[in-house]
Amino acid sequence: MGHIGTPQFTNDVGAEKIEIGVKEFKCIGAKSPFDHPHVYLDMGQDNEIICPYCSTLYTYNSELSVTETKPANCCVLDESVDA
């Protein structure tokens, strides 16, 4: 099954920086019930952006796929969290 909708990322690991393979996405903070408001972020022409809620620095890495992250496992694959 392919990814449907806007990619969502979480920072359950408490990383200062997460590398991702997309420039438009949602940050949800941590997984429910510890999430913050799900905020849509768009890097535009830049290669990084800071989430205004959890202060995670997201950095674009063109070598990563839509669901890959560094550190690993920061992509939320369950679309049911996108309410």
PDB file of N, CA and C in Angstrom:
ATOM      1  N   MET A   1       0.838  -1.181   0.000  1.00  0.00           N
ATOM      2  CA  MET A   1       0.000   0.000   0.000  1.00  0.00           C
ATOM      3  C   MET A   1       0.880   1.240   0.000  1.00  0.00           C
ATOM      4  N   GLY A   2       0.621   2.177  -0.891  1.00  0.00           N
ATOM      5  CA  GLY A   2       1.384   3.410  -0.963  1.00  0.00           C
ATOM      6  C   GLY A   2       0.903   4.412   0.068  1.00  0.00           C
ATOM      7  N   HIS A   3       1.714   5.429   0.261  1.00  0.00           N
ATOM      8  CA  HIS A   3       1.353   6.470   1.224  1.00  0.00           C
ATOM      9  C   HIS A   3       0.221   7.320   0.653  1.00  0.00           C
ATOM     10  N   ILE A   4      -0.780   7.567   1.458  1.00  0.00           N
ATOM     11  CA  ILE A   4      -1.937   8.356   1.039  1.00  0.00           C
ATOM     12  C   ILE A   4      -1.968   9.637   1.855  1.00  0.00           C
ATOM     13  N   GLY A   5      -2.166  10.757   1.182  1.00  0.00           N
ATOM     14  CA  GLY A   5      -2.303  12.024   1.889  1.00  0.00           C
ATOM     15  C   GLY A   5      -0.967  12.670   2.221  1.00  0.00           C
ATOM     16  N   THR A   6      -1.019  13.633   3.113  1.00  0.00           N
ATOM     17  CA  THR A   6       0.155  14.390   3.515  1.00  0.00           C
ATOM     18  C   THR A   6       1.003  13.560   4.479  1.00  0.00           C
ATOM     19  N   PRO A   7       2.307  13.422   4.219  1.00  0.00           N
ATOM     20  CA  PRO A   7       3.165  12.683   5.149  1.00  0.00           C
ATOM     21  C   PRO A   7       3.135  13.332   6.538  1.00  0.00           C
ATOM     22  N   GLN A   8       3.163  12.498   7.567  1.00  0.00           N
ATOM     23  CA  GLN A   8       3.141  12.986   8.941  1.00  0.00           C
ATOM     24  C   GLN A   8       4.361  12.456   9.675  1.00  0.00           C
ATOM     25  N   PHE A   9       4.960  13.327  10.464  1.00  0.00           N
ATOM     26  CA  PHE A   9       6.157  12.946  11.201  1.00  0.00           C
ATOM     27  C   PHE A   9       5.979  13.230  12.685  1.00  0.00           C
ATOM     28  N   THR A  10       6.644  12.401  13.484  1.00  0.00           N
ATOM     29  CA  THR A  10       6.574  12.502  14.927  1.00  0.00           C
ATOM     30  C   THR A  10       7.987  12.496  15.491  1.00  0.00           C
ATOM     31  N   ASN A  11       8.145  13.072  16.659  1.00  0.00           N
ATOM     32  CA  ASN A  11       9.467  13.112  17.295  1.00  0.00           C
ATOM     33  C   ASN A  11       9.404  12.431  18.657  1.00  0.00           C
ATOM     34  N   ASP A  12       8.991  11.175  18.663  1.00  0.00           N
ATOM     35  CA  ASP A  12       8.956  10.408  19.909  1.00  0.00           C
ATOM     36  C   ASP A  12      10.351  10.156  20.468  1.00  0.00           C
ATOM     37  N   VAL A  13      11.361  10.202  19.612  1.00  0.00           N
ATOM     38  CA  VAL A  13      12.734   9.919  20.043  1.00  0.00           C
ATOM     39  C   VAL A  13      13.398  11.132  20.691  1.00  0.00           C
ATOM     40  N   GLY A  14      12.782  12.297  20.579  1.00  0.00           N
ATOM     41  CA  GLY A  14      13.331  13.507  21.187  1.00  0.00           C
ATOM     42  C   GLY A  14      14.546  14.065  20.472  1.00  0.00           C
ATOM     43  N   ALA A  15      14.626  13.841  19.160  1.00  0.00           N
ATOM     44  CA  ALA A  15      15.766  14.338  18.365  1.00  0.00           C
ATOM     45  C   ALA A  15      15.666  15.848  18.175  1.00  0.00           C
ATOM     46  N   GLU A  16      16.812  16.516  18.140  1.00  0.00           N
ATOM     47  CA  GLU A  16      16.826  17.950  17.841  1.00  0.00           C
ATOM     48  C   GLU A  16      16.555  18.195  16.369  1.00  0.00           C
ATOM     49  N   LYS A  17      17.002  17.245  15.505  1.00  0.00           N
ATOM     50  CA  LYS A  17      16.862  17.385  14.062  1.00  0.00           C
ATOM     51  C   LYS A  17      16.402  16.064  13.473  1.00  0.00           C
ATOM     52  N   ILE A  18      15.469  16.140  12.510  1.00  0.00           N
ATOM     53  CA  ILE A  18      15.010  14.963  11.788  1.00  0.00           C
ATOM     54  C   ILE A  18      15.153  15.254  10.299  1.00  0.00           C
ATOM     55  N   GLU A  19      15.852  14.370   9.599  1.00  0.00           N
ATOM     56  CA  GLU A  19      15.984  14.485   8.150  1.00  0.00           C
ATOM     57  C   GLU A  19      14.821  13.752   7.503  1.00  0.00           C
ATOM     58  N   ILE A  20      14.185  14.399   6.509  1.00  0.00           N
ATOM     59  CA  ILE A  20      13.032  13.817   5.829  1.00  0.00           C
ATOM     60  C   ILE A  20      13.178  13.999   4.322  1.00  0.00           C
ATOM     61  N   GLY A  21      12.416  13.219   3.557  1.00  0.00           N
ATOM     62  CA  GLY A  21      12.518  13.244   2.102  1.00  0.00           C
ATOM     63  C   GLY A  21      11.443  14.044   1.405  1.00  0.00           C
ATOM     64  N   VAL A  22      10.733  14.905   2.126  1.00  0.00           N
ATOM     65  CA  VAL A  22       9.693  15.754   1.549  1.00  0.00           C
ATOM     66  C   VAL A  22       9.832  17.161   2.114  1.00  0.00           C
ATOM     67  N   LYS A  23       9.226  18.123   1.416  1.00  0.00           N
ATOM     68  CA  LYS A  23       9.269  19.506   1.887  1.00  0.00           C
ATOM     69  C   LYS A  23       7.927  19.990   2.414  1.00  0.00           C
ATOM     70  N   GLU A  24       6.862  19.241   2.168  1.00  0.00           N
ATOM     71  CA  GLU A  24       5.524  19.580   2.664  1.00  0.00           C
ATOM     72  C   GLU A  24       5.026  18.399   3.484  1.00  0.00           C
ATOM     73  N   PHE A  25       4.628  18.661   4.731  1.00  0.00           N
ATOM     74  CA  PHE A  25       4.284  17.570   5.639  1.00  0.00           C
ATOM     75  C   PHE A  25       3.554  18.113   6.859  1.00  0.00           C
ATOM     76  N   LYS A  26       3.129  17.200   7.730  1.00  0.00           N
ATOM     77  CA  LYS A  26       2.545  17.577   9.011  1.00  0.00           C
ATOM     78  C   LYS A  26       3.449  17.090  10.131  1.00  0.00           C
ATOM     79  N   CYS A  27       3.635  17.934  11.130  1.00  0.00           N
ATOM     80  CA  CYS A  27       4.303  17.531  12.359  1.00  0.00           C
ATOM     81  C   CYS A  27       3.210  17.326  13.394  1.00  0.00           C
ATOM     82  N   ILE A  28       3.254  16.190  14.078  1.00  0.00           N
ATOM     83  CA  ILE A  28       2.248  15.924  15.114  1.00  0.00           C
ATOM     84  C   ILE A  28       2.874  15.899  16.507  1.00  0.00           C
ATOM     85  N   GLY A  29       4.165  16.205  16.601  1.00  0.00           N
ATOM     86  CA  GLY A  29       4.849  16.192  17.897  1.00  0.00           C
ATOM     87  C   GLY A  29       5.221  14.775  18.272  1.00  0.00           C
ATOM     88  N   ALA A  30       4.536  14.226  19.244  1.00  0.00           N
ATOM     89  CA  ALA A  30       4.709  12.829  19.646  1.00  0.00           C
ATOM     90  C   ALA A  30       3.431  12.090  19.264  1.00  0.00           C
ATOM     91  N   LYS A  31       3.484  10.783  19.343  1.00  0.00           N
ATOM     92  CA  LYS A  31       2.277  10.007  19.033  1.00  0.00           C
ATOM     93  C   LYS A  31       1.234  10.203  20.124  1.00  0.00           C
ATOM     94  N   SER A  32      -0.021  10.087  19.736  1.00  0.00           N
ATOM     95  CA  SER A  32      -1.143  10.248  20.650  1.00  0.00           C
ATOM     96  C   SER A  32      -0.980   9.327  21.852  1.00  0.00           C
ATOM     97  N   PRO A  33      -1.270   9.757  23.019  1.00  0.00           N
ATOM     98  CA  PRO A  33      -1.995  10.969  23.414  1.00  0.00           C
ATOM     99  C   PRO A  33      -1.093  12.159  23.730  1.00  0.00           C
ATOM    100  N   PHE A  34       0.182  12.091  23.370  1.00  0.00           N
ATOM    101  CA  PHE A  34       1.124  13.154  23.713  1.00  0.00           C
ATOM    102  C   PHE A  34       1.400  14.100  22.547  1.00  0.00           C
ATOM    103  N   ASP A  35       0.558  14.054  21.519  1.00  0.00           N
ATOM    104  CA  ASP A  35       0.766  14.887  20.344  1.00  0.00           C
ATOM    105  C   ASP A  35       0.393  16.345  20.612  1.00  0.00           C
ATOM    106  N   HIS A  36       0.881  17.215  19.746  1.00  0.00           N
ATOM    107  CA  HIS A  36       0.472  18.616  19.779  1.00  0.00           C
ATOM    108  C   HIS A  36      -0.471  18.835  18.601  1.00  0.00           C
ATOM    109  N   PRO A  37      -1.071  20.009  18.459  1.00  0.00           N
ATOM    110  CA  PRO A  37      -1.920  20.237  17.285  1.00  0.00           C
ATOM    111  C   PRO A  37      -1.154  19.874  16.006  1.00  0.00           C
ATOM    112  N   HIS A  38      -1.810  19.142  15.121  1.00  0.00           N
ATOM    113  CA  HIS A  38      -1.169  18.698  13.887  1.00  0.00           C
ATOM    114  C   HIS A  38      -1.021  19.898  12.960  1.00  0.00           C
ATOM    115  N   VAL A  39       0.220  20.291  12.718  1.00  0.00           N
ATOM    116  CA  VAL A  39       0.506  21.512  11.980  1.00  0.00           C
ATOM    117  C   VAL A  39       1.134  21.169  10.634  1.00  0.00           C
ATOM    118  N   TYR A  40       0.598  21.782   9.569  1.00  0.00           N
ATOM    119  CA  TYR A  40       1.117  21.612   8.216  1.00  0.00           C
ATOM    120  C   TYR A  40       2.311  22.538   8.040  1.00  0.00           C
ATOM    121  N   LEU A  41       3.430  21.972   7.598  1.00  0.00           N
ATOM    122  CA  LEU A  41       4.637  22.767   7.383  1.00  0.00           C
ATOM    123  C   LEU A  41       5.084  22.648   5.933  1.00  0.00           C
ATOM    124  N   ASP A  42       5.551  23.740   5.366  1.00  0.00           N
ATOM    125  CA  ASP A  42       6.003  23.788   3.979  1.00  0.00           C
ATOM    126  C   ASP A  42       7.339  24.521   3.943  1.00  0.00           C
ATOM    127  N   MET A  43       8.400  23.824   3.542  1.00  0.00           N
ATOM    128  CA  MET A  43       9.728  24.421   3.495  1.00  0.00           C
ATOM    129  C   MET A  43       9.892  25.414   2.346  1.00  0.00           C
ATOM    130  N   GLY A  44       9.038  25.324   1.339  1.00  0.00           N
ATOM    131  CA  GLY A  44       9.170  26.209   0.184  1.00  0.00           C
ATOM    132  C   GLY A  44      10.522  26.030  -0.477  1.00  0.00           C
ATOM    133  N   GLN A  45      11.253  27.112  -0.695  1.00  0.00           N
ATOM    134  CA  GLN A  45      12.569  27.069  -1.330  1.00  0.00           C
ATOM    135  C   GLN A  45      13.681  26.676  -0.358  1.00  0.00           C
ATOM    136  N   ASP A  46      13.380  26.693   0.933  1.00  0.00           N
ATOM    137  CA  ASP A  46      14.378  26.361   1.949  1.00  0.00           C
ATOM    138  C   ASP A  46      14.544  24.847   2.067  1.00  0.00           C
ATOM    139  N   ASN A  47      15.566  24.431   2.784  1.00  0.00           N
ATOM    140  CA  ASN A  47      15.815  23.010   3.019  1.00  0.00           C
ATOM    141  C   ASN A  47      15.648  22.617   4.481  1.00  0.00           C
ATOM    142  N   GLU A  48      15.087  23.533   5.282  1.00  0.00           N
ATOM    143  CA  GLU A  48      14.818  23.205   6.676  1.00  0.00           C
ATOM    144  C   GLU A  48      13.717  24.107   7.213  1.00  0.00           C
ATOM    145  N   ILE A  49      13.075  23.606   8.283  1.00  0.00           N
ATOM    146  CA  ILE A  49      12.011  24.361   8.935  1.00  0.00           C
ATOM    147  C   ILE A  49      11.905  23.877  10.376  1.00  0.00           C
ATOM    148  N   ILE A  50      11.529  24.774  11.271  1.00  0.00           N
ATOM    149  CA  ILE A  50      11.356  24.426  12.681  1.00  0.00           C
ATOM    150  C   ILE A  50       9.872  24.393  12.994  1.00  0.00           C
ATOM    151  N   CYS A  51       9.424  23.320  13.657  1.00  0.00           N
ATOM    152  CA  CYS A  51       8.025  23.229  14.075  1.00  0.00           C
ATOM    153  C   CYS A  51       7.777  24.255  15.178  1.00  0.00           C
ATOM    154  N   PRO A  52       6.747  25.103  15.028  1.00  0.00           N
ATOM    155  CA  PRO A  52       6.486  26.126  16.037  1.00  0.00           C
ATOM    156  C   PRO A  52       5.953  25.574  17.358  1.00  0.00           C
ATOM    157  N   TYR A  53       5.520  24.318  17.383  1.00  0.00           N
ATOM    158  CA  TYR A  53       4.996  23.728  18.615  1.00  0.00           C
ATOM    159  C   TYR A  53       6.050  22.972  19.405  1.00  0.00           C
ATOM    160  N   CYS A  54       6.806  22.089  18.736  1.00  0.00           N
ATOM    161  CA  CYS A  54       7.753  21.232  19.472  1.00  0.00           C
ATOM    162  C   CYS A  54       9.212  21.599  19.234  1.00  0.00           C
ATOM    163  N   SER A  55       9.462  22.590  18.378  1.00  0.00           N
ATOM    164  CA  SER A  55      10.813  23.087  18.064  1.00  0.00           C
ATOM    165  C   SER A  55      11.715  22.064  17.401  1.00  0.00           C
ATOM    166  N   THR A  56      11.138  21.014  16.800  1.00  0.00           N
ATOM    167  CA  THR A  56      11.939  20.059  16.045  1.00  0.00           C
ATOM    168  C   THR A  56      12.405  20.717  14.752  1.00  0.00           C
ATOM    169  N   LEU A  57      13.685  20.582  14.438  1.00  0.00           N
ATOM    170  CA  LEU A  57      14.232  21.074  13.185  1.00  0.00           C
ATOM    171  C   LEU A  57      14.107  19.953  12.158  1.00  0.00           C
ATOM    172  N   TYR A  58      13.348  20.204  11.095  1.00  0.00           N
ATOM    173  CA  TYR A  58      13.203  19.250   9.998  1.00  0.00           C
ATOM    174  C   TYR A  58      14.100  19.712   8.862  1.00  0.00           C
ATOM    175  N   THR A  59      14.917  18.784   8.340  1.00  0.00           N
ATOM    176  CA  THR A  59      15.849  19.078   7.262  1.00  0.00           C
ATOM    177  C   THR A  59      15.543  18.184   6.072  1.00  0.00           C
ATOM    178  N   TYR A  60      15.443  18.775   4.885  1.00  0.00           N
ATOM    179  CA  TYR A  60      15.171  18.022   3.671  1.00  0.00           C
ATOM    180  C   TYR A  60      16.417  17.270   3.226  1.00  0.00           C
ATOM    181  N   ASN A  61      16.251  15.980   2.927  1.00  0.00           N
ATOM    182  CA  ASN A  61      17.328  15.133   2.410  1.00  0.00           C
ATOM    183  C   ASN A  61      16.783  14.436   1.173  1.00  0.00           C
ATOM    184  N   SER A  62      17.249  14.845  -0.003  1.00  0.00           N
ATOM    185  CA  SER A  62      16.717  14.321  -1.267  1.00  0.00           C
ATOM    186  C   SER A  62      17.005  12.835  -1.467  1.00  0.00           C
ATOM    187  N   GLU A  63      17.894  12.260  -0.686  1.00  0.00           N
ATOM    188  CA  GLU A  63      18.210  10.833  -0.800  1.00  0.00           C
ATOM    189  C   GLU A  63      17.209   9.946  -0.061  1.00  0.00           C
ATOM    190  N   LEU A  64      16.318  10.553   0.726  1.00  0.00           N
ATOM    191  CA  LEU A  64      15.334   9.784   1.492  1.00  0.00           C
ATOM    192  C   LEU A  64      14.012   9.702   0.748  1.00  0.00           C
ATOM    193  N   SER A  65      13.305   8.586   0.905  1.00  0.00           N
ATOM    194  CA  SER A  65      11.962   8.457   0.327  1.00  0.00           C
ATOM    195  C   SER A  65      10.965   9.183   1.227  1.00  0.00           C
ATOM    196  N   VAL A  66       9.710   9.186   0.820  1.00  0.00           N
ATOM    197  CA  VAL A  66       8.650   9.880   1.561  1.00  0.00           C
ATOM    198  C   VAL A  66       8.542   9.380   2.998  1.00  0.00           C
ATOM    199  N   THR A  67       8.749   8.087   3.225  1.00  0.00           N
ATOM    200  CA  THR A  67       8.553   7.519   4.566  1.00  0.00           C
ATOM    201  C   THR A  67       9.851   7.281   5.328  1.00  0.00           C
ATOM    202  N   GLU A  68      10.997   7.571   4.730  1.00  0.00           N
ATOM    203  CA  GLU A  68      12.280   7.381   5.417  1.00  0.00           C
ATOM    204  C   GLU A  68      12.648   8.630   6.216  1.00  0.00           C
ATOM    205  N   THR A  69      13.256   8.420   7.368  1.00  0.00           N
ATOM    206  CA  THR A  69      13.724   9.528   8.199  1.00  0.00           C
ATOM    207  C   THR A  69      15.060   9.163   8.826  1.00  0.00           C
ATOM    208  N   LYS A  70      15.802  10.174   9.212  1.00  0.00           N
ATOM    209  CA  LYS A  70      17.009  10.003  10.015  1.00  0.00           C
ATOM    210  C   LYS A  70      16.877  10.930  11.199  1.00  0.00           C
ATOM    211  N   PRO A  71      16.752  10.421  12.418  1.00  0.00           N
ATOM    212  CA  PRO A  71      16.759   9.021  12.811  1.00  0.00           C
ATOM    213  C   PRO A  71      15.541   8.272  12.267  1.00  0.00           C
ATOM    214  N   ALA A  72      15.654   6.960  12.257  1.00  0.00           N
ATOM    215  CA  ALA A  72      14.605   6.102  11.684  1.00  0.00           C
ATOM    216  C   ALA A  72      13.318   6.135  12.504  1.00  0.00           C
ATOM    217  N   ASN A  73      12.236   5.729  11.860  1.00  0.00           N
ATOM    218  CA  ASN A  73      10.928   5.507  12.492  1.00  0.00           C
ATOM    219  C   ASN A  73      10.237   6.767  12.998  1.00  0.00           C
ATOM    220  N   CYS A  74      10.444   7.894  12.330  1.00  0.00           N
ATOM    221  CA  CYS A  74       9.754   9.130  12.717  1.00  0.00           C
ATOM    222  C   CYS A  74       8.561   9.433  11.814  1.00  0.00           C
ATOM    223  N   CYS A  75       8.304   8.584  10.821  1.00  0.00           N
ATOM    224  CA  CYS A  75       7.169   8.771   9.929  1.00  0.00           C
ATOM    225  C   CYS A  75       5.973   8.012  10.477  1.00  0.00           C
ATOM    226  N   VAL A  76       4.819   8.666  10.502  1.00  0.00           N
ATOM    227  CA  VAL A  76       3.591   8.035  10.967  1.00  0.00           C
ATOM    228  C   VAL A  76       2.926   7.408   9.759  1.00  0.00           C
ATOM    229  N   LEU A  77       2.847   6.083   9.738  1.00  0.00           N
ATOM    230  CA  LEU A  77       2.292   5.380   8.595  1.00  0.00           C
ATOM    231  C   LEU A  77       0.805   5.104   8.717  1.00  0.00           C
ATOM    232  N   ASP A  78       0.235   5.305   9.885  1.00  0.00           N
ATOM    233  CA  ASP A  78      -1.188   5.059  10.103  1.00  0.00           C
ATOM    234  C   ASP A  78      -1.968   6.322   9.760  1.00  0.00           C
ATOM    235  N   GLU A  79      -2.644   6.294   8.608  1.00  0.00           N
ATOM    236  CA  GLU A  79      -3.392   7.480   8.164  1.00  0.00           C
ATOM    237  C   GLU A  79      -4.553   7.835   9.090  1.00  0.00           C
ATOM    238  N   SER A  80      -4.926   6.935  10.000  1.00  0.00           N
ATOM    239  CA  SER A  80      -6.057   7.220  10.884  1.00  0.00           C
ATOM    240  C   SER A  80      -5.765   8.342  11.849  1.00  0.00           C
ATOM    241  N   VAL A  81      -4.471   8.726  12.045  1.00  0.00           N
ATOM    242  CA  VAL A  81      -4.163   9.843  12.928  1.00  0.00           C
ATOM    243  C   VAL A  81      -4.433  11.182  12.259  1.00  0.00           C
ATOM    244  N   ASP A  82      -4.645  11.178  10.950  1.00  0.00           N
ATOM    245  CA  ASP A  82      -4.886  12.415  10.217  1.00  0.00           C
ATOM    246  C   ASP A  82      -6.380  12.738  10.256  1.00  0.00           C
ATOM    247  N   ALA A  83      -6.817  13.293  11.344  1.00  0.00           N
ATOM    248  CA  ALA A  83      -8.251  13.575  11.514  1.00  0.00           C
ATOM    249  C   ALA A  83      -8.572  15.017  11.237  1.00  0.00           C
TER     250      ALA A  83
END
